[in-house]
């Protein structure tokens, strides 16, 4: 059974040269994601999306970055973006199958996480539910991460919540090679 089409039609190849160059930079030779193809069809939205500036590594390790992104997408029930990230980055980030599952089904108390990662998961959860931290949550996060990393965590949570809104609201079909949420 095929998925319904996205609510806004994506660009189809051949892409304008400038757009193709942008896709090539972001995708490093892989075909552009449906999300990028939809966004690129609307110049202002595409420019603002790319201006988010969070498509680069930043001050977190790949593993920390992916835990934040995967947990944020899971909390927002965004299988599209969660699946893309798990398929592409879980192995390089050295996330085990149990850890990947815990981004969807676990929480900060899941035994698979280190103390620093527990603080990271708790921070993502706090931002998702309250859009802030308690003093205790901020202190726990600060015990493991410096100011630049904490700002990056907050920015990633906000950016990937926006990505989740886009993917879910546009009803993007899951990418063919993306992971799927764990089944019970």
N, C-alpha and C. Protein backbone atom coordinates (compact mmCIF):
# COMPACT_ATOMS: atom_id res chain seq x y z
N UNK A 1 0.85 -1.18 0.00
CA UNK A 1 0.00 0.00 0.00
C UNK A 1 0.89 1.24 0.00
N UNK A 2 0.63 2.16 -0.90
CA UNK A 2 1.47 3.35 -0.99
C UNK A 2 0.97 4.43 -0.04
N UNK A 3 1.88 5.30 0.33
CA UNK A 3 1.55 6.42 1.20
C UNK A 3 0.83 7.49 0.41
N UNK A 4 -0.02 8.26 1.07
CA UNK A 4 -0.62 9.40 0.36
C UNK A 4 0.49 10.40 0.02
N UNK A 5 0.27 11.21 -1.00
CA UNK A 5 1.30 12.18 -1.36
C UNK A 5 1.45 13.24 -0.27
N UNK A 6 2.61 13.90 -0.22
CA UNK A 6 2.75 14.98 0.75
C UNK A 6 1.74 16.09 0.43
N UNK A 7 1.41 16.86 1.42
CA UNK A 7 0.39 17.90 1.27
C UNK A 7 0.85 19.06 0.38
N UNK A 8 2.14 19.23 0.24
CA UNK A 8 2.71 20.21 -0.69
C UNK A 8 3.66 19.42 -1.60
N UNK A 9 3.48 19.58 -2.90
CA UNK A 9 4.25 18.78 -3.86
C UNK A 9 5.73 19.15 -3.80
N UNK A 10 6.59 18.12 -3.86
CA UNK A 10 8.03 18.36 -3.89
C UNK A 10 8.49 18.74 -5.30
N UNK A 11 9.67 19.38 -5.35
CA UNK A 11 10.32 19.59 -6.64
C UNK A 11 10.63 18.24 -7.26
N UNK A 12 10.64 18.21 -8.58
CA UNK A 12 11.06 17.00 -9.28
C UNK A 12 12.25 17.34 -10.16
N UNK A 13 13.13 16.37 -10.39
CA UNK A 13 14.29 16.64 -11.24
C UNK A 13 13.85 16.91 -12.67
N UNK A 14 14.64 17.62 -13.43
CA UNK A 14 15.92 18.22 -13.04
C UNK A 14 15.67 19.47 -12.19
N UNK A 15 16.54 19.65 -11.21
CA UNK A 15 16.42 20.78 -10.29
C UNK A 15 17.17 21.98 -10.87
N UNK A 16 16.74 23.19 -10.53
CA UNK A 16 17.52 24.36 -10.95
C UNK A 16 18.97 24.20 -10.47
N UNK A 17 19.95 24.69 -11.23
CA UNK A 17 21.36 24.48 -10.88
C UNK A 17 21.72 24.90 -9.45
N UNK A 18 21.23 26.04 -8.99
CA UNK A 18 21.56 26.49 -7.63
C UNK A 18 20.97 25.53 -6.59
N UNK A 19 19.76 25.06 -6.84
CA UNK A 19 19.11 24.11 -5.92
C UNK A 19 19.86 22.78 -5.93
N UNK A 20 20.25 22.32 -7.11
CA UNK A 20 21.02 21.07 -7.22
C UNK A 20 22.32 21.19 -6.44
N UNK A 21 22.99 22.33 -6.56
CA UNK A 21 24.25 22.55 -5.83
C UNK A 21 24.00 22.51 -4.32
N UNK A 22 22.90 23.09 -3.87
CA UNK A 22 22.56 23.06 -2.44
C UNK A 22 22.28 21.63 -1.99
N UNK A 23 21.51 20.88 -2.77
CA UNK A 23 21.24 19.47 -2.46
C UNK A 23 22.55 18.69 -2.38
N UNK A 24 23.44 18.92 -3.34
CA UNK A 24 24.72 18.20 -3.38
C UNK A 24 25.54 18.49 -2.12
N UNK A 25 25.55 19.75 -1.69
CA UNK A 25 26.31 20.11 -0.46
C UNK A 25 25.72 19.41 0.76
N UNK A 26 24.40 19.42 0.87
CA UNK A 26 23.74 18.86 2.06
C UNK A 26 23.76 17.33 2.03
N UNK A 27 23.46 16.76 0.88
CA UNK A 27 23.26 15.31 0.77
C UNK A 27 24.52 14.54 0.41
N UNK A 28 25.58 15.25 0.06
CA UNK A 28 26.87 14.62 -0.28
C UNK A 28 26.72 13.49 -1.30
N UNK A 29 25.97 13.79 -2.36
CA UNK A 29 25.83 12.83 -3.45
C UNK A 29 24.60 11.95 -3.39
N UNK A 30 23.95 11.81 -2.24
CA UNK A 30 22.73 11.01 -2.15
C UNK A 30 21.56 11.82 -2.71
N UNK A 31 20.51 11.15 -3.14
CA UNK A 31 19.35 11.89 -3.63
C UNK A 31 18.76 12.75 -2.50
N UNK A 32 18.21 13.91 -2.85
CA UNK A 32 17.67 14.79 -1.81
C UNK A 32 16.44 14.18 -1.13
N UNK A 33 16.35 14.41 0.16
CA UNK A 33 15.20 13.95 0.93
C UNK A 33 13.93 14.66 0.48
N UNK A 34 12.81 13.99 0.65
CA UNK A 34 11.51 14.58 0.31
C UNK A 34 11.33 15.92 1.03
N UNK A 35 11.70 15.99 2.31
CA UNK A 35 11.57 17.24 3.06
C UNK A 35 12.31 18.37 2.35
N UNK A 36 13.53 18.12 1.92
CA UNK A 36 14.31 19.15 1.23
C UNK A 36 13.67 19.52 -0.10
N UNK A 37 13.13 18.53 -0.82
CA UNK A 37 12.51 18.80 -2.11
C UNK A 37 11.25 19.64 -1.95
N UNK A 38 10.49 19.42 -0.89
CA UNK A 38 9.29 20.24 -0.64
C UNK A 38 9.72 21.66 -0.26
N UNK A 39 10.64 21.76 0.67
CA UNK A 39 11.07 23.08 1.14
C UNK A 39 11.71 23.90 0.03
N UNK A 40 12.53 23.25 -0.81
CA UNK A 40 13.26 23.96 -1.87
C UNK A 40 12.33 24.52 -2.93
N UNK A 41 11.10 24.04 -2.99
CA UNK A 41 10.14 24.58 -3.94
C UNK A 41 9.60 25.94 -3.53
N UNK A 42 9.98 26.38 -2.35
CA UNK A 42 9.49 27.65 -1.80
C UNK A 42 10.69 28.39 -1.24
N UNK A 43 11.24 29.28 -2.06
CA UNK A 43 12.52 29.92 -1.79
C UNK A 43 12.67 30.51 -0.40
N UNK A 44 11.71 31.28 0.04
CA UNK A 44 11.82 31.92 1.36
C UNK A 44 11.89 30.86 2.47
N UNK A 45 11.00 29.88 2.41
CA UNK A 45 10.99 28.82 3.43
C UNK A 45 12.30 28.02 3.39
N UNK A 46 12.78 27.70 2.19
CA UNK A 46 14.02 26.94 2.03
C UNK A 46 15.21 27.72 2.59
N UNK A 47 15.27 29.01 2.28
CA UNK A 47 16.36 29.84 2.79
C UNK A 47 16.33 29.90 4.32
N UNK A 48 15.16 30.08 4.89
CA UNK A 48 15.05 30.15 6.36
C UNK A 48 15.40 28.80 6.99
N UNK A 49 14.95 27.73 6.38
CA UNK A 49 15.26 26.39 6.88
C UNK A 49 16.77 26.16 6.91
N UNK A 50 17.44 26.47 5.79
CA UNK A 50 18.89 26.27 5.72
C UNK A 50 19.64 27.23 6.63
N UNK A 51 19.06 28.40 6.87
CA UNK A 51 19.70 29.40 7.74
C UNK A 51 19.69 28.98 9.20
N UNK A 52 18.92 27.94 9.53
CA UNK A 52 18.92 27.42 10.91
C UNK A 52 20.32 27.05 11.35
N UNK A 53 21.20 26.74 10.41
CA UNK A 53 22.61 26.53 10.68
C UNK A 53 22.93 25.34 11.56
N UNK A 54 22.00 24.40 11.68
CA UNK A 54 22.26 23.26 12.56
C UNK A 54 22.52 21.98 11.77
N UNK A 55 22.84 22.13 10.50
CA UNK A 55 23.17 20.97 9.69
C UNK A 55 24.67 20.67 9.74
N UNK A 56 25.40 21.42 10.58
CA UNK A 56 26.84 21.20 10.77
C UNK A 56 27.07 20.50 12.11
N UNK A 57 28.28 20.01 12.37
CA UNK A 57 28.53 19.24 13.59
C UNK A 57 28.33 20.00 14.91
N UNK A 58 28.84 21.21 15.05
CA UNK A 58 28.67 21.95 16.30
C UNK A 58 29.52 21.40 17.44
N UNK A 59 29.27 21.88 18.68
CA UNK A 59 30.12 21.54 19.82
C UNK A 59 29.82 20.20 20.51
N UNK A 60 28.81 19.49 20.05
CA UNK A 60 28.50 18.18 20.63
C UNK A 60 29.15 17.08 19.80
N UNK A 61 29.41 15.95 20.43
CA UNK A 61 29.89 14.80 19.66
C UNK A 61 28.75 14.32 18.77
N UNK A 62 29.08 13.55 17.74
CA UNK A 62 28.05 13.00 16.87
C UNK A 62 27.05 12.18 17.69
N UNK A 63 27.54 11.41 18.63
CA UNK A 63 26.66 10.58 19.47
C UNK A 63 25.69 11.46 20.27
N UNK A 64 26.20 12.49 20.93
CA UNK A 64 25.34 13.37 21.74
C UNK A 64 24.32 14.07 20.84
N UNK A 65 24.78 14.55 19.72
CA UNK A 65 23.92 15.24 18.76
C UNK A 65 22.78 14.32 18.33
N UNK A 66 23.11 13.10 17.98
CA UNK A 66 22.09 12.16 17.50
C UNK A 66 21.12 11.75 18.61
N UNK A 67 21.59 11.62 19.82
CA UNK A 67 20.68 11.33 20.93
C UNK A 67 19.65 12.45 21.06
N UNK A 68 20.12 13.69 21.00
CA UNK A 68 19.21 14.85 21.10
C UNK A 68 18.21 14.83 19.94
N UNK A 69 18.70 14.66 18.73
CA UNK A 69 17.83 14.70 17.55
C UNK A 69 16.84 13.54 17.57
N UNK A 70 17.34 12.33 17.81
CA UNK A 70 16.45 11.16 17.79
C UNK A 70 15.39 11.26 18.87
N UNK A 71 15.78 11.68 20.07
CA UNK A 71 14.80 11.80 21.16
C UNK A 71 13.77 12.89 20.85
N UNK A 72 14.23 14.02 20.34
CA UNK A 72 13.30 15.11 19.99
C UNK A 72 12.30 14.64 18.95
N UNK A 73 12.78 13.99 17.90
CA UNK A 73 11.88 13.51 16.85
C UNK A 73 10.93 12.44 17.39
N UNK A 74 11.42 11.56 18.24
CA UNK A 74 10.56 10.52 18.81
C UNK A 74 9.47 11.13 19.68
N UNK A 75 9.82 12.10 20.51
CA UNK A 75 8.82 12.74 21.36
C UNK A 75 7.75 13.44 20.54
N UNK A 76 8.13 13.93 19.36
CA UNK A 76 7.18 14.59 18.47
C UNK A 76 6.50 13.62 17.51
N UNK A 77 6.74 12.33 17.71
CA UNK A 77 6.16 11.27 16.88
C UNK A 77 6.46 11.51 15.39
N UNK A 78 7.68 11.95 15.12
CA UNK A 78 8.10 12.21 13.76
C UNK A 78 8.96 11.06 13.26
N UNK A 79 8.30 10.01 12.83
CA UNK A 79 9.01 8.83 12.33
C UNK A 79 9.84 9.16 11.10
N UNK A 80 9.37 10.11 10.29
CA UNK A 80 10.10 10.49 9.08
C UNK A 80 11.54 10.91 9.43
N UNK A 81 11.70 11.94 10.26
CA UNK A 81 13.04 12.47 10.54
C UNK A 81 13.83 11.55 11.46
N UNK A 82 13.15 10.94 12.43
CA UNK A 82 13.80 9.97 13.31
C UNK A 82 14.41 8.85 12.45
N UNK A 83 13.61 8.35 11.51
CA UNK A 83 14.06 7.24 10.67
C UNK A 83 15.24 7.59 9.79
N UNK A 84 15.23 8.81 9.24
CA UNK A 84 16.36 9.27 8.42
C UNK A 84 17.63 9.31 9.27
N UNK A 85 17.52 9.91 10.45
CA UNK A 85 18.70 10.04 11.31
C UNK A 85 19.21 8.69 11.80
N UNK A 86 18.32 7.81 12.19
CA UNK A 86 18.75 6.49 12.66
C UNK A 86 19.44 5.74 11.52
N UNK A 87 18.86 5.78 10.32
CA UNK A 87 19.44 5.04 9.20
C UNK A 87 20.82 5.56 8.83
N UNK A 88 21.01 6.87 8.89
CA UNK A 88 22.27 7.46 8.43
C UNK A 88 23.30 7.57 9.54
N UNK A 89 22.87 7.92 10.76
CA UNK A 89 23.82 8.31 11.79
C UNK A 89 23.94 7.37 12.99
N UNK A 90 23.02 6.44 13.18
CA UNK A 90 23.08 5.58 14.38
C UNK A 90 24.39 4.80 14.44
N UNK A 91 24.78 4.18 13.34
CA UNK A 91 26.02 3.39 13.35
C UNK A 91 27.25 4.27 13.55
N UNK A 92 27.42 5.37 12.78
CA UNK A 92 28.59 6.22 13.02
C UNK A 92 28.62 6.81 14.43
N UNK A 93 27.43 7.04 15.02
CA UNK A 93 27.35 7.58 16.38
C UNK A 93 27.51 6.50 17.44
N UNK A 94 27.66 5.25 16.98
CA UNK A 94 27.83 4.10 17.88
C UNK A 94 26.65 3.94 18.83
N UNK A 95 25.44 4.16 18.30
CA UNK A 95 24.22 3.91 19.07
C UNK A 95 23.82 2.45 18.86
N UNK A 96 23.63 1.74 19.95
CA UNK A 96 23.23 0.34 19.86
C UNK A 96 21.73 0.25 19.54
N UNK A 97 21.30 -0.94 19.21
CA UNK A 97 19.88 -1.17 18.95
C UNK A 97 19.04 -0.81 20.18
N UNK A 98 19.52 -1.18 21.37
CA UNK A 98 18.79 -0.84 22.60
C UNK A 98 18.72 0.67 22.81
N UNK A 99 19.80 1.37 22.51
CA UNK A 99 19.81 2.83 22.66
C UNK A 99 18.87 3.50 21.66
N UNK A 100 18.89 3.01 20.43
CA UNK A 100 17.98 3.56 19.42
C UNK A 100 16.53 3.35 19.87
N UNK A 101 16.23 2.15 20.34
CA UNK A 101 14.88 1.85 20.83
C UNK A 101 14.53 2.76 22.01
N UNK A 102 15.50 3.01 22.88
CA UNK A 102 15.24 3.84 24.07
C UNK A 102 14.95 5.29 23.71
N UNK A 103 15.41 5.75 22.54
CA UNK A 103 15.06 7.12 22.15
C UNK A 103 13.56 7.25 21.91
N UNK A 104 12.91 6.14 21.59
CA UNK A 104 11.47 6.13 21.34
C UNK A 104 10.69 5.64 22.56
N UNK A 105 11.14 4.55 23.16
CA UNK A 105 10.35 3.88 24.19
C UNK A 105 10.87 4.10 25.61
N UNK A 106 12.07 4.63 25.76
CA UNK A 106 12.66 4.79 27.09
C UNK A 106 12.52 6.19 27.62
N UNK A 107 13.35 6.46 28.62
CA UNK A 107 13.43 7.81 29.19
C UNK A 107 14.80 7.97 29.82
N UNK A 108 14.98 9.01 30.61
CA UNK A 108 16.30 9.29 31.18
C UNK A 108 16.75 8.21 32.16
N UNK A 109 15.83 7.40 32.65
CA UNK A 109 16.23 6.35 33.59
C UNK A 109 16.59 5.03 32.90
N UNK A 110 16.49 4.98 31.57
CA UNK A 110 16.83 3.74 30.86
C UNK A 110 18.28 3.37 31.14
N UNK A 111 18.50 2.10 31.42
CA UNK A 111 19.81 1.63 31.86
C UNK A 111 20.88 1.70 30.79
N UNK A 112 20.51 1.89 29.54
CA UNK A 112 21.49 1.90 28.46
C UNK A 112 22.30 3.20 28.42
N UNK A 113 21.84 4.25 29.10
CA UNK A 113 22.50 5.55 29.01
C UNK A 113 23.54 5.75 30.10
N UNK A 114 24.61 6.45 29.76
CA UNK A 114 25.61 6.88 30.75
C UNK A 114 25.00 8.01 31.58
N UNK A 115 25.62 8.39 32.69
CA UNK A 115 25.09 9.52 33.47
C UNK A 115 24.96 10.81 32.65
N UNK A 116 25.94 11.11 31.82
CA UNK A 116 25.86 12.32 30.98
C UNK A 116 24.71 12.21 29.99
N UNK A 117 24.52 11.02 29.42
CA UNK A 117 23.43 10.83 28.46
C UNK A 117 22.08 10.87 29.14
N UNK A 118 22.01 10.41 30.38
CA UNK A 118 20.75 10.53 31.14
C UNK A 118 20.38 12.00 31.32
N UNK A 119 21.38 12.83 31.63
CA UNK A 119 21.13 14.27 31.76
C UNK A 119 20.69 14.86 30.43
N UNK A 120 21.26 14.38 29.34
CA UNK A 120 20.90 14.84 28.01
C UNK A 120 19.45 14.49 27.68
N UNK A 121 19.07 13.24 27.91
CA UNK A 121 17.69 12.79 27.66
C UNK A 121 16.71 13.57 28.54
N UNK A 122 17.06 13.75 29.82
CA UNK A 122 16.19 14.51 30.73
C UNK A 122 16.02 15.95 30.24
N UNK A 123 17.08 16.53 29.70
CA UNK A 123 17.00 17.90 29.18
C UNK A 123 16.07 17.97 27.97
N UNK A 124 16.21 17.02 27.06
CA UNK A 124 15.34 16.99 25.88
C UNK A 124 13.89 16.84 26.32
N UNK A 125 13.65 15.94 27.26
CA UNK A 125 12.29 15.71 27.75
C UNK A 125 11.73 16.96 28.41
N UNK A 126 12.54 17.65 29.21
CA UNK A 126 12.08 18.87 29.88
C UNK A 126 11.74 19.95 28.86
N UNK A 127 12.58 20.13 27.88
CA UNK A 127 12.30 21.13 26.85
C UNK A 127 11.03 20.78 26.09
N UNK A 128 10.84 19.51 25.82
CA UNK A 128 9.65 19.07 25.08
C UNK A 128 8.37 19.34 25.89
N UNK A 129 8.39 19.00 27.16
CA UNK A 129 7.16 19.10 27.95
C UNK A 129 6.92 20.48 28.54
N UNK A 130 7.99 21.20 28.89
CA UNK A 130 7.83 22.48 29.62
C UNK A 130 8.44 23.67 28.91
N UNK A 131 9.23 23.44 27.87
CA UNK A 131 9.94 24.51 27.16
C UNK A 131 10.92 25.25 28.06
N UNK A 132 11.37 24.59 29.12
CA UNK A 132 12.36 25.17 30.02
C UNK A 132 12.97 24.06 30.88
N UNK A 133 13.89 24.46 31.76
CA UNK A 133 14.49 23.54 32.73
C UNK A 133 14.18 24.03 34.13
N UNK A 134 14.04 23.09 35.05
CA UNK A 134 14.06 23.48 36.46
C UNK A 134 15.52 23.77 36.80
N UNK A 135 15.75 24.38 37.95
CA UNK A 135 17.14 24.60 38.38
C UNK A 135 17.89 23.29 38.52
N UNK A 136 17.22 22.27 39.02
CA UNK A 136 17.86 20.96 39.20
C UNK A 136 18.21 20.34 37.84
N UNK A 137 17.33 20.45 36.87
CA UNK A 137 17.60 19.90 35.53
C UNK A 137 18.77 20.63 34.89
N UNK A 138 18.79 21.95 35.03
CA UNK A 138 19.89 22.72 34.44
C UNK A 138 21.22 22.38 35.13
N UNK A 139 21.18 22.21 36.44
CA UNK A 139 22.40 21.83 37.17
C UNK A 139 22.89 20.46 36.73
N UNK A 140 21.97 19.51 36.55
CA UNK A 140 22.36 18.16 36.10
C UNK A 140 22.99 18.22 34.71
N UNK A 141 22.41 19.02 33.83
CA UNK A 141 22.96 19.17 32.49
C UNK A 141 24.33 19.85 32.54
N UNK A 142 24.44 20.88 33.37
CA UNK A 142 25.70 21.64 33.51
C UNK A 142 26.82 20.82 34.11
N UNK A 143 26.49 19.76 34.81
CA UNK A 143 27.52 18.89 35.38
C UNK A 143 28.28 18.13 34.29
N UNK A 144 27.68 18.03 33.10
CA UNK A 144 28.28 17.24 32.02
C UNK A 144 28.58 18.03 30.75
N UNK A 145 27.92 19.19 30.59
CA UNK A 145 28.04 19.93 29.34
C UNK A 145 28.35 21.39 29.62
N UNK A 146 29.19 21.99 28.76
CA UNK A 146 29.54 23.40 28.95
C UNK A 146 28.46 24.30 28.33
N UNK A 147 28.63 25.60 28.45
CA UNK A 147 27.61 26.54 27.99
C UNK A 147 27.34 26.42 26.49
N UNK A 148 28.38 26.31 25.69
CA UNK A 148 28.19 26.18 24.24
C UNK A 148 27.42 24.91 23.90
N UNK A 149 27.72 23.83 24.60
CA UNK A 149 27.00 22.58 24.36
C UNK A 149 25.54 22.67 24.81
N UNK A 150 25.28 23.34 25.92
CA UNK A 150 23.90 23.49 26.39
C UNK A 150 23.10 24.33 25.41
N UNK A 151 23.68 25.39 24.90
CA UNK A 151 22.99 26.19 23.89
C UNK A 151 22.71 25.35 22.65
N UNK A 152 23.68 24.54 22.24
CA UNK A 152 23.49 23.67 21.08
C UNK A 152 22.37 22.67 21.32
N UNK A 153 22.31 22.10 22.49
CA UNK A 153 21.24 21.15 22.84
C UNK A 153 19.88 21.84 22.69
N UNK A 154 19.76 23.04 23.22
CA UNK A 154 18.50 23.77 23.14
C UNK A 154 18.16 24.11 21.69
N UNK A 155 19.15 24.56 20.92
CA UNK A 155 18.92 24.89 19.52
C UNK A 155 18.52 23.65 18.72
N UNK A 156 19.19 22.53 18.96
CA UNK A 156 18.84 21.29 18.25
C UNK A 156 17.41 20.87 18.58
N UNK A 157 17.04 20.94 19.85
CA UNK A 157 15.67 20.57 20.23
C UNK A 157 14.65 21.43 19.50
N UNK A 158 14.89 22.73 19.46
CA UNK A 158 13.96 23.63 18.79
C UNK A 158 13.93 23.40 17.29
N UNK A 159 15.11 23.24 16.69
CA UNK A 159 15.18 23.04 15.24
C UNK A 159 14.49 21.74 14.84
N UNK A 160 14.75 20.67 15.57
CA UNK A 160 14.17 19.39 15.19
C UNK A 160 12.71 19.26 15.61
N UNK A 161 12.26 20.09 16.51
CA UNK A 161 10.81 20.18 16.75
C UNK A 161 10.17 20.83 15.52
N UNK A 162 10.81 21.86 14.99
CA UNK A 162 10.32 22.50 13.77
C UNK A 162 10.34 21.50 12.61
N UNK A 163 11.43 20.76 12.47
CA UNK A 163 11.50 19.75 11.42
C UNK A 163 10.37 18.73 11.60
N UNK A 164 10.09 18.35 12.84
CA UNK A 164 9.00 17.41 13.11
C UNK A 164 7.65 18.00 12.69
N UNK A 165 7.45 19.28 13.01
CA UNK A 165 6.21 19.94 12.58
C UNK A 165 6.08 19.90 11.07
N UNK A 166 7.18 20.19 10.38
CA UNK A 166 7.16 20.20 8.91
C UNK A 166 6.86 18.80 8.36
N UNK A 167 7.61 17.81 8.79
CA UNK A 167 7.44 16.46 8.26
C UNK A 167 6.05 15.90 8.59
N UNK A 168 5.61 16.10 9.82
CA UNK A 168 4.30 15.59 10.22
C UNK A 168 3.17 16.39 9.55
N UNK A 169 3.29 17.71 9.58
CA UNK A 169 2.24 18.56 9.01
C UNK A 169 2.12 18.43 7.51
N UNK A 170 3.23 18.17 6.83
CA UNK A 170 3.21 17.98 5.39
C UNK A 170 2.82 16.55 5.01
N UNK A 171 2.75 15.69 6.03
CA UNK A 171 2.43 14.27 5.83
C UNK A 171 3.41 13.64 4.84
N UNK A 172 4.71 13.85 5.12
CA UNK A 172 5.74 13.31 4.23
C UNK A 172 5.76 11.79 4.33
N UNK A 173 5.79 11.10 3.19
CA UNK A 173 5.93 9.65 3.24
C UNK A 173 7.33 9.30 3.75
N UNK A 174 7.44 8.19 4.46
CA UNK A 174 8.73 7.78 5.00
C UNK A 174 9.71 7.52 3.86
N UNK A 175 10.95 7.93 4.07
CA UNK A 175 11.99 7.68 3.07
C UNK A 175 12.23 6.17 2.97
N UNK A 176 12.47 5.71 1.78
CA UNK A 176 12.59 4.26 1.52
C UNK A 176 13.66 3.59 2.41
N UNK A 177 14.80 4.23 2.55
CA UNK A 177 15.90 3.60 3.30
C UNK A 177 15.94 3.99 4.77
N UNK A 178 14.95 4.74 5.22
CA UNK A 178 14.92 5.20 6.62
C UNK A 178 14.49 4.07 7.55
N UNK A 179 14.91 4.18 8.81
CA UNK A 179 14.48 3.24 9.84
C UNK A 179 13.01 3.50 10.17
N UNK A 180 12.41 2.53 10.82
CA UNK A 180 11.02 2.64 11.27
C UNK A 180 11.01 2.59 12.79
N UNK A 181 10.01 3.24 13.39
CA UNK A 181 9.88 3.18 14.83
C UNK A 181 9.80 1.72 15.28
N UNK A 182 10.35 1.40 16.44
CA UNK A 182 10.26 0.03 16.95
C UNK A 182 8.79 -0.36 17.15
N UNK A 183 8.53 -1.63 16.94
CA UNK A 183 7.18 -2.14 17.18
C UNK A 183 7.19 -2.95 18.46
N UNK A 184 6.11 -2.90 19.16
CA UNK A 184 6.01 -3.58 20.46
C UNK A 184 5.88 -5.06 20.26
